[in-house]
Amino acid sequence: MRRPQKPAAVPDRRAQILASAMRRFLHFGVKKTAMQEIADDCGLAVGTLYLSFANKDALIIGCAEAFRAAHAAEAKKVVDLPDVEPEAKLRRYVLSRFHASRGLRAGAAEAAAELARHVLRLRPEDPAEEIRSFTAYLATILAAGKKSGVFPGVRDPEREARVLALALGVFFPIPGREPPEPLGLPDLLNQLEWFVDVWTRQ
């Protein structure tokens, strides 16, 4: 029997629980993950876990919210980088989203697909919100590039960000809905560079 670990400080407890839940959901699946196992991972009594999350659905919602918060934090970090050209920011941001998306599908494929189905059941608005958020950050970077003269070919940052987001959507499939031949990083970079070439032309 594993010796219980000292519980984390209360401000970190939620993040610790969500990290454990996400690891287990992506490796074993939602149905095969027990609340007791998540509590054990965190060195908590299962009753303490239930004080933070009433059930698995609450944990799934928490995991989805944590993923979106991590996206927002990473995007803000990239957008606010000092002394970095918008062109480099665009590449960094898109690649960070690509790697985060890949990370969700890095475990067992069926487990990731099961988690995605649960998220869509509980939060059907999430995919549309994710696209809006992705597009908004792209538009911010394109607007900065237009203003600085790095992207003289950009006419309407919001419209062109939407076109880019739609064009790149195939690289960010929902787990379980991947195309038969998944596209990889070289394809993503090739597509992104096409847009950059257009926008950097006078």
C-alpha atoms as a PDB file:
ATOM      1  CA  MET A   1       0.000   0.000   0.000  1.00  0.00           C
ATOM      2  CA  ARG A   2       1.403   3.369  -0.983  1.00  0.00           C
ATOM      3  CA  ARG A   3       2.169   5.760   1.839  1.00  0.00           C
ATOM      4  CA  PRO A   4       0.005   8.890   1.599  1.00  0.00           C
ATOM      5  CA  GLN A   5       1.805  12.019   0.546  1.00  0.00           C
ATOM      6  CA  LYS A   6       1.461  15.284   2.396  1.00  0.00           C
ATOM      7  CA  PRO A   7      -1.428  17.217   0.808  1.00  0.00           C
ATOM      8  CA  ALA A   8      -0.457  20.256  -1.205  1.00  0.00           C
ATOM      9  CA  ALA A   9      -1.190  23.715   0.105  1.00  0.00           C
ATOM     10  CA  VAL A  10      -4.830  24.595  -0.477  1.00  0.00           C
ATOM     11  CA  PRO A  11      -4.211  27.135  -3.328  1.00  0.00           C
ATOM     12  CA  ASP A  12      -2.344  24.427  -5.270  1.00  0.00           C
ATOM     13  CA  ARG A  13      -4.710  21.587  -4.422  1.00  0.00           C
ATOM     14  CA  ARG A  14      -7.146  22.256  -7.258  1.00  0.00           C
ATOM     15  CA  ALA A  15      -4.361  22.380  -9.857  1.00  0.00           C
ATOM     16  CA  GLN A  16      -2.826  19.211  -8.413  1.00  0.00           C
ATOM     17  CA  ILE A  17      -6.154  17.361  -8.568  1.00  0.00           C
ATOM     18  CA  LEU A  18      -6.842  18.520 -12.129  1.00  0.00           C
ATOM     19  CA  ALA A  19      -3.345  17.519 -13.295  1.00  0.00           C
ATOM     20  CA  SER A  20      -3.800  14.041 -11.825  1.00  0.00           C
ATOM     21  CA  ALA A  21      -7.297  13.707 -13.314  1.00  0.00           C
ATOM     22  CA  MET A  22      -6.086  14.797 -16.757  1.00  0.00           C
ATOM     23  CA  ARG A  23      -3.181  12.322 -16.701  1.00  0.00           C
ATOM     24  CA  ARG A  24      -5.481   9.464 -15.740  1.00  0.00           C
ATOM     25  CA  PHE A  25      -8.280  10.426 -18.130  1.00  0.00           C
ATOM     26  CA  LEU A  26      -5.843  10.603 -21.062  1.00  0.00           C
ATOM     27  CA  HIS A  27      -4.117   7.339 -20.172  1.00  0.00           C
ATOM     28  CA  PHE A  28      -6.915   5.122 -18.844  1.00  0.00           C
ATOM     29  CA  GLY A  29     -10.068   6.897 -19.961  1.00  0.00           C
ATOM     30  CA  VAL A  30     -12.836   8.494 -17.922  1.00  0.00           C
ATOM     31  CA  LYS A  31     -14.798   5.350 -17.097  1.00  0.00           C
ATOM     32  CA  LYS A  32     -11.742   3.431 -15.912  1.00  0.00           C
ATOM     33  CA  THR A  33     -10.527   6.243 -13.665  1.00  0.00           C
ATOM     34  CA  ALA A  34     -11.768   6.130 -10.081  1.00  0.00           C
ATOM     35  CA  MET A  35     -12.061   9.174  -7.851  1.00  0.00           C
ATOM     36  CA  GLN A  36     -10.125   7.206  -5.226  1.00  0.00           C
ATOM     37  CA  GLU A  37      -7.163   6.851  -7.623  1.00  0.00           C
ATOM     38  CA  ILE A  38      -7.063  10.596  -8.243  1.00  0.00           C
ATOM     39  CA  ALA A  39      -7.213  11.234  -4.500  1.00  0.00           C
ATOM     40  CA  ASP A  40      -4.382   8.732  -3.937  1.00  0.00           C
ATOM     41  CA  ASP A  41      -2.245  10.452  -6.582  1.00  0.00           C
ATOM     42  CA  CYS A  42      -2.646  13.722  -4.689  1.00  0.00           C
ATOM     43  CA  GLY A  43      -2.157  12.261  -1.221  1.00  0.00           C
ATOM     44  CA  LEU A  44      -5.700  13.225  -0.274  1.00  0.00           C
ATOM     45  CA  ALA A  45      -8.573  11.422   1.368  1.00  0.00           C
ATOM     46  CA  VAL A  46     -11.271  10.776  -1.216  1.00  0.00           C
ATOM     47  CA  GLY A  47     -13.683  12.817   0.918  1.00  0.00           C
ATOM     48  CA  THR A  48     -11.372  15.810   0.580  1.00  0.00           C
ATOM     49  CA  LEU A  49     -11.392  15.353  -3.196  1.00  0.00           C
ATOM     50  CA  TYR A  50     -15.195  15.399  -3.177  1.00  0.00           C
ATOM     51  CA  LEU A  51     -15.121  18.722  -1.305  1.00  0.00           C
ATOM     52  CA  SER A  52     -13.410  20.235  -4.369  1.00  0.00           C
ATOM     53  CA  PHE A  53     -15.151  18.262  -7.127  1.00  0.00           C
ATOM     54  CA  ALA A  54     -18.549  16.672  -6.585  1.00  0.00           C
ATOM     55  CA  ASN A  55     -18.071  14.016  -9.281  1.00  0.00           C
ATOM     56  CA  LYS A  56     -16.193  13.107 -12.463  1.00  0.00           C
ATOM     57  CA  ASP A  57     -18.264  15.512 -14.539  1.00  0.00           C
ATOM     58  CA  ALA A  58     -17.058  18.378 -12.341  1.00  0.00           C
ATOM     59  CA  LEU A  59     -13.490  17.146 -12.811  1.00  0.00           C
ATOM     60  CA  ILE A  60     -13.911  16.982 -16.599  1.00  0.00           C
ATOM     61  CA  ILE A  61     -15.267  20.541 -16.663  1.00  0.00           C
ATOM     62  CA  GLY A  62     -12.366  21.620 -14.458  1.00  0.00           C
ATOM     63  CA  CYS A  63      -9.873  19.967 -16.818  1.00  0.00           C
ATOM     64  CA  ALA A  64     -11.435  21.718 -19.825  1.00  0.00           C
ATOM     65  CA  GLU A  65     -11.301  25.066 -18.031  1.00  0.00           C
ATOM     66  CA  ALA A  66      -7.679  24.481 -17.001  1.00  0.00           C
ATOM     67  CA  PHE A  67      -6.748  23.675 -20.609  1.00  0.00           C
ATOM     68  CA  ARG A  68      -8.375  26.900 -21.813  1.00  0.00           C
ATOM     69  CA  ALA A  69      -6.692  28.911 -19.043  1.00  0.00           C
ATOM     70  CA  ALA A  70      -3.312  27.452 -20.028  1.00  0.00           C
ATOM     71  CA  HIS A  71      -4.030  28.445 -23.651  1.00  0.00           C
ATOM     72  CA  ALA A  72      -4.871  32.003 -22.609  1.00  0.00           C
ATOM     73  CA  ALA A  73      -1.745  32.283 -20.444  1.00  0.00           C
ATOM     74  CA  GLU A  74       0.514  30.938 -23.191  1.00  0.00           C
ATOM     75  CA  ALA A  75      -1.078  33.186 -25.816  1.00  0.00           C
ATOM     76  CA  LYS A  76      -0.693  36.278 -23.632  1.00  0.00           C
ATOM     77  CA  LYS A  77       2.932  35.381 -22.973  1.00  0.00           C
ATOM     78  CA  VAL A  78       3.626  35.122 -26.709  1.00  0.00           C
ATOM     79  CA  VAL A  79       1.689  38.277 -27.634  1.00  0.00           C
ATOM     80  CA  ASP A  80       3.471  40.286 -24.906  1.00  0.00           C
ATOM     81  CA  LEU A  81       7.003  39.134 -25.810  1.00  0.00           C
ATOM     82  CA  PRO A  82       9.208  42.231 -25.958  1.00  0.00           C
ATOM     83  CA  ASP A  83      11.520  42.815 -28.918  1.00  0.00           C
ATOM     84  CA  VAL A  84      10.044  39.915 -30.916  1.00  0.00           C
ATOM     85  CA  GLU A  85       8.717  40.582 -34.401  1.00  0.00           C
ATOM     86  CA  PRO A  86       5.039  39.736 -35.077  1.00  0.00           C
ATOM     87  CA  GLU A  87       6.152  37.169 -37.664  1.00  0.00           C
ATOM     88  CA  ALA A  88       8.056  35.222 -34.972  1.00  0.00           C
ATOM     89  CA  LYS A  89       5.161  35.652 -32.535  1.00  0.00           C
ATOM     90  CA  LEU A  90       2.771  34.183 -35.100  1.00  0.00           C
ATOM     91  CA  ARG A  91       4.953  31.114 -35.548  1.00  0.00           C
ATOM     92  CA  ARG A  92       5.454  30.659 -31.798  1.00  0.00           C
ATOM     93  CA  TYR A  93       1.778  30.969 -31.030  1.00  0.00           C
ATOM     94  CA  VAL A  94       0.622  28.542 -33.730  1.00  0.00           C
ATOM     95  CA  LEU A  95       3.328  26.022 -32.780  1.00  0.00           C
ATOM     96  CA  SER A  96       2.433  26.267 -29.087  1.00  0.00           C
ATOM     97  CA  ARG A  97      -1.200  25.442 -29.941  1.00  0.00           C
ATOM     98  CA  PHE A  98      -0.097  22.589 -32.199  1.00  0.00           C
ATOM     99  CA  HIS A  99       2.031  21.027 -29.455  1.00  0.00           C
ATOM    100  CA  ALA A 100      -0.708  21.499 -26.839  1.00  0.00           C
ATOM    101  CA  SER A 101      -3.202  19.814 -29.165  1.00  0.00           C
ATOM    102  CA  ARG A 102      -0.784  16.969 -29.809  1.00  0.00           C
ATOM    103  CA  GLY A 103      -0.244  16.618 -26.060  1.00  0.00           C
ATOM    104  CA  LEU A 104      -3.948  15.885 -25.585  1.00  0.00           C
ATOM    105  CA  ARG A 105      -3.644  12.991 -28.017  1.00  0.00           C
ATOM    106  CA  ALA A 106      -0.270  11.702 -26.803  1.00  0.00           C
ATOM    107  CA  GLY A 107      -1.712   9.033 -24.517  1.00  0.00           C
ATOM    108  CA  ALA A 108      -4.093   6.237 -25.435  1.00  0.00           C
ATOM    109  CA  ALA A 109      -6.111   7.277 -28.491  1.00  0.00           C
ATOM    110  CA  GLU A 110      -9.380   5.787 -27.230  1.00  0.00           C
ATOM    111  CA  ALA A 111      -8.937   7.398 -23.803  1.00  0.00           C
ATOM    112  CA  ALA A 112      -8.387  10.827 -25.390  1.00  0.00           C
ATOM    113  CA  ALA A 113     -11.422  10.329 -27.637  1.00  0.00           C
ATOM    114  CA  GLU A 114     -13.541   9.300 -24.631  1.00  0.00           C
ATOM    115  CA  LEU A 115     -12.485  12.421 -22.724  1.00  0.00           C
ATOM    116  CA  ALA A 116     -13.302  14.589 -25.764  1.00  0.00           C
ATOM    117  CA  ARG A 117     -16.785  13.033 -25.983  1.00  0.00           C
ATOM    118  CA  HIS A 118     -17.413  13.820 -22.313  1.00  0.00           C
ATOM    119  CA  VAL A 119     -16.205  17.421 -22.708  1.00  0.00           C
ATOM    120  CA  LEU A 120     -18.483  17.899 -25.730  1.00  0.00           C
ATOM    121  CA  ARG A 121     -21.420  16.451 -23.792  1.00  0.00           C
ATOM    122  CA  LEU A 122     -20.837  18.724 -20.806  1.00  0.00           C
ATOM    123  CA  ARG A 123     -19.620  21.820 -22.648  1.00  0.00           C
ATOM    124  CA  PRO A 124     -20.877  21.691 -26.257  1.00  0.00           C
ATOM    125  CA  GLU A 125     -19.872  25.321 -26.722  1.00  0.00           C
ATOM    126  CA  ASP A 126     -16.162  24.625 -26.114  1.00  0.00           C
ATOM    127  CA  PRO A 127     -15.028  23.939 -29.725  1.00  0.00           C
ATOM    128  CA  ALA A 128     -16.602  27.170 -30.999  1.00  0.00           C
ATOM    129  CA  GLU A 129     -15.138  29.115 -28.073  1.00  0.00           C
ATOM    130  CA  GLU A 130     -11.704  27.601 -28.737  1.00  0.00           C
ATOM    131  CA  ILE A 131     -11.887  28.726 -32.382  1.00  0.00           C
ATOM    132  CA  ARG A 132     -12.968  32.242 -31.341  1.00  0.00           C
ATOM    133  CA  SER A 133     -10.109  32.478 -28.868  1.00  0.00           C
ATOM    134  CA  PHE A 134      -7.544  31.137 -31.356  1.00  0.00           C
ATOM    135  CA  THR A 135      -8.780  33.574 -34.005  1.00  0.00           C
ATOM    136  CA  ALA A 136      -8.711  36.540 -31.610  1.00  0.00           C
ATOM    137  CA  TYR A 137      -5.063  35.944 -30.703  1.00  0.00           C
ATOM    138  CA  LEU A 138      -4.141  35.531 -34.364  1.00  0.00           C
ATOM    139  CA  ALA A 139      -5.911  38.811 -35.123  1.00  0.00           C
ATOM    140  CA  THR A 140      -3.992  40.579 -32.342  1.00  0.00           C
ATOM    141  CA  ILE A 141      -0.674  39.409 -33.795  1.00  0.00           C
ATOM    142  CA  LEU A 142      -1.679  40.308 -37.368  1.00  0.00           C
ATOM    143  CA  ALA A 143      -2.858  43.775 -36.281  1.00  0.00           C
ATOM    144  CA  ALA A 144       0.498  44.380 -34.567  1.00  0.00           C
ATOM    145  CA  GLY A 145       2.286  43.219 -37.706  1.00  0.00           C
ATOM    146  CA  LYS A 146       0.200  45.500 -39.896  1.00  0.00           C
ATOM    147  CA  LYS A 147       0.844  48.469 -37.592  1.00  0.00           C
ATOM    148  CA  SER A 148       4.610  47.854 -37.440  1.00  0.00           C
ATOM    149  CA  GLY A 149       4.911  47.292 -41.196  1.00  0.00           C
ATOM    150  CA  VAL A 150       6.068  43.676 -40.825  1.00  0.00           C
ATOM    151  CA  PHE A 151       2.844  42.469 -42.474  1.00  0.00           C
ATOM    152  CA  PRO A 152       2.142  45.109 -45.148  1.00  0.00           C
ATOM    153  CA  GLY A 153      -0.023  42.588 -47.015  1.00  0.00           C
ATOM    154  CA  VAL A 154      -2.557  42.368 -44.172  1.00  0.00           C
ATOM    155  CA  ARG A 155      -5.631  44.427 -45.010  1.00  0.00           C
ATOM    156  CA  ASP A 156      -8.175  43.291 -42.403  1.00  0.00           C
ATOM    157  CA  PRO A 157      -6.544  41.517 -39.417  1.00  0.00           C
ATOM    158  CA  GLU A 158      -9.785  40.049 -38.061  1.00  0.00           C
ATOM    159  CA  ARG A 159     -10.976  38.691 -41.393  1.00  0.00           C
ATOM    160  CA  GLU A 160      -7.565  37.297 -42.315  1.00  0.00           C
ATOM    161  CA  ALA A 161      -7.121  35.762 -38.847  1.00  0.00           C
ATOM    162  CA  ARG A 162     -10.422  33.942 -39.391  1.00  0.00           C
ATOM    163  CA  VAL A 163      -9.215  32.626 -42.770  1.00  0.00           C
ATOM    164  CA  LEU A 164      -5.941  31.458 -41.208  1.00  0.00           C
ATOM    165  CA  ALA A 165      -7.751  29.804 -38.287  1.00  0.00           C
ATOM    166  CA  LEU A 166     -10.029  27.922 -40.697  1.00  0.00           C
ATOM    167  CA  ALA A 167      -7.067  26.896 -42.858  1.00  0.00           C
ATOM    168  CA  LEU A 168      -5.167  25.561 -39.842  1.00  0.00           C
ATOM    169  CA  GLY A 169      -8.173  23.843 -38.263  1.00  0.00           C
ATOM    170  CA  VAL A 170      -7.270  20.487 -39.814  1.00  0.00           C
ATOM    171  CA  PHE A 171      -4.119  20.438 -37.654  1.00  0.00           C
ATOM    172  CA  PHE A 172      -6.156  20.648 -34.441  1.00  0.00           C
ATOM    173  CA  PRO A 173      -8.688  17.813 -34.668  1.00  0.00           C
ATOM    174  CA  ILE A 174     -10.840  16.778 -31.735  1.00  0.00           C
ATOM    175  CA  PRO A 175      -9.464  13.458 -30.410  1.00  0.00           C
ATOM    176  CA  GLY A 176     -11.348  10.634 -32.068  1.00  0.00           C
ATOM    177  CA  ARG A 177     -12.129  12.773 -35.137  1.00  0.00           C
ATOM    178  CA  GLU A 178      -8.668  12.849 -36.702  1.00  0.00           C
ATOM    179  CA  PRO A 179      -8.436  12.594 -40.501  1.00  0.00           C
ATOM    180  CA  PRO A 180      -7.396   9.173 -41.897  1.00  0.00           C
ATOM    181  CA  GLU A 181      -3.939  10.538 -42.669  1.00  0.00           C
ATOM    182  CA  PRO A 182      -3.091  13.017 -39.889  1.00  0.00           C
ATOM    183  CA  LEU A 183      -1.127  16.036 -41.008  1.00  0.00           C
ATOM    184  CA  GLY A 184       2.084  16.768 -39.147  1.00  0.00           C
ATOM    185  CA  LEU A 185       4.364  19.614 -38.235  1.00  0.00           C
ATOM    186  CA  PRO A 186       6.004  19.963 -41.707  1.00  0.00           C
ATOM    187  CA  ASP A 187       2.560  20.396 -43.283  1.00  0.00           C
ATOM    188  CA  LEU A 188       1.574  22.946 -40.636  1.00  0.00           C
ATOM    189  CA  LEU A 189       4.757  24.963 -41.162  1.00  0.00           C
ATOM    190  CA  ASN A 190       4.331  24.837 -44.933  1.00  0.00           C
ATOM    191  CA  GLN A 191       0.778  26.170 -44.714  1.00  0.00           C
ATOM    192  CA  LEU A 192       1.696  28.863 -42.189  1.00  0.00           C
ATOM    193  CA  GLU A 193       4.657  30.005 -44.289  1.00  0.00           C
ATOM    194  CA  TRP A 194       2.368  30.438 -47.301  1.00  0.00           C
ATOM    195  CA  PHE A 195       0.315  32.976 -45.339  1.00  0.00           C
ATOM    196  CA  VAL A 196       3.432  34.702 -43.976  1.00  0.00           C
ATOM    197  CA  ASP A 197       4.808  35.038 -47.515  1.00  0.00           C
ATOM    198  CA  VAL A 198       1.593  36.692 -48.668  1.00  0.00           C
ATOM    199  CA  TRP A 199       1.445  39.063 -45.701  1.00  0.00           C
ATOM    200  CA  THR A 200       5.079  40.149 -45.865  1.00  0.00           C
ATOM    201  CA  ARG A 201       4.836  41.203 -49.526  1.00  0.00           C
ATOM    202  CA  GLN A 202       4.584  44.921 -50.216  1.00  0.00           C
END
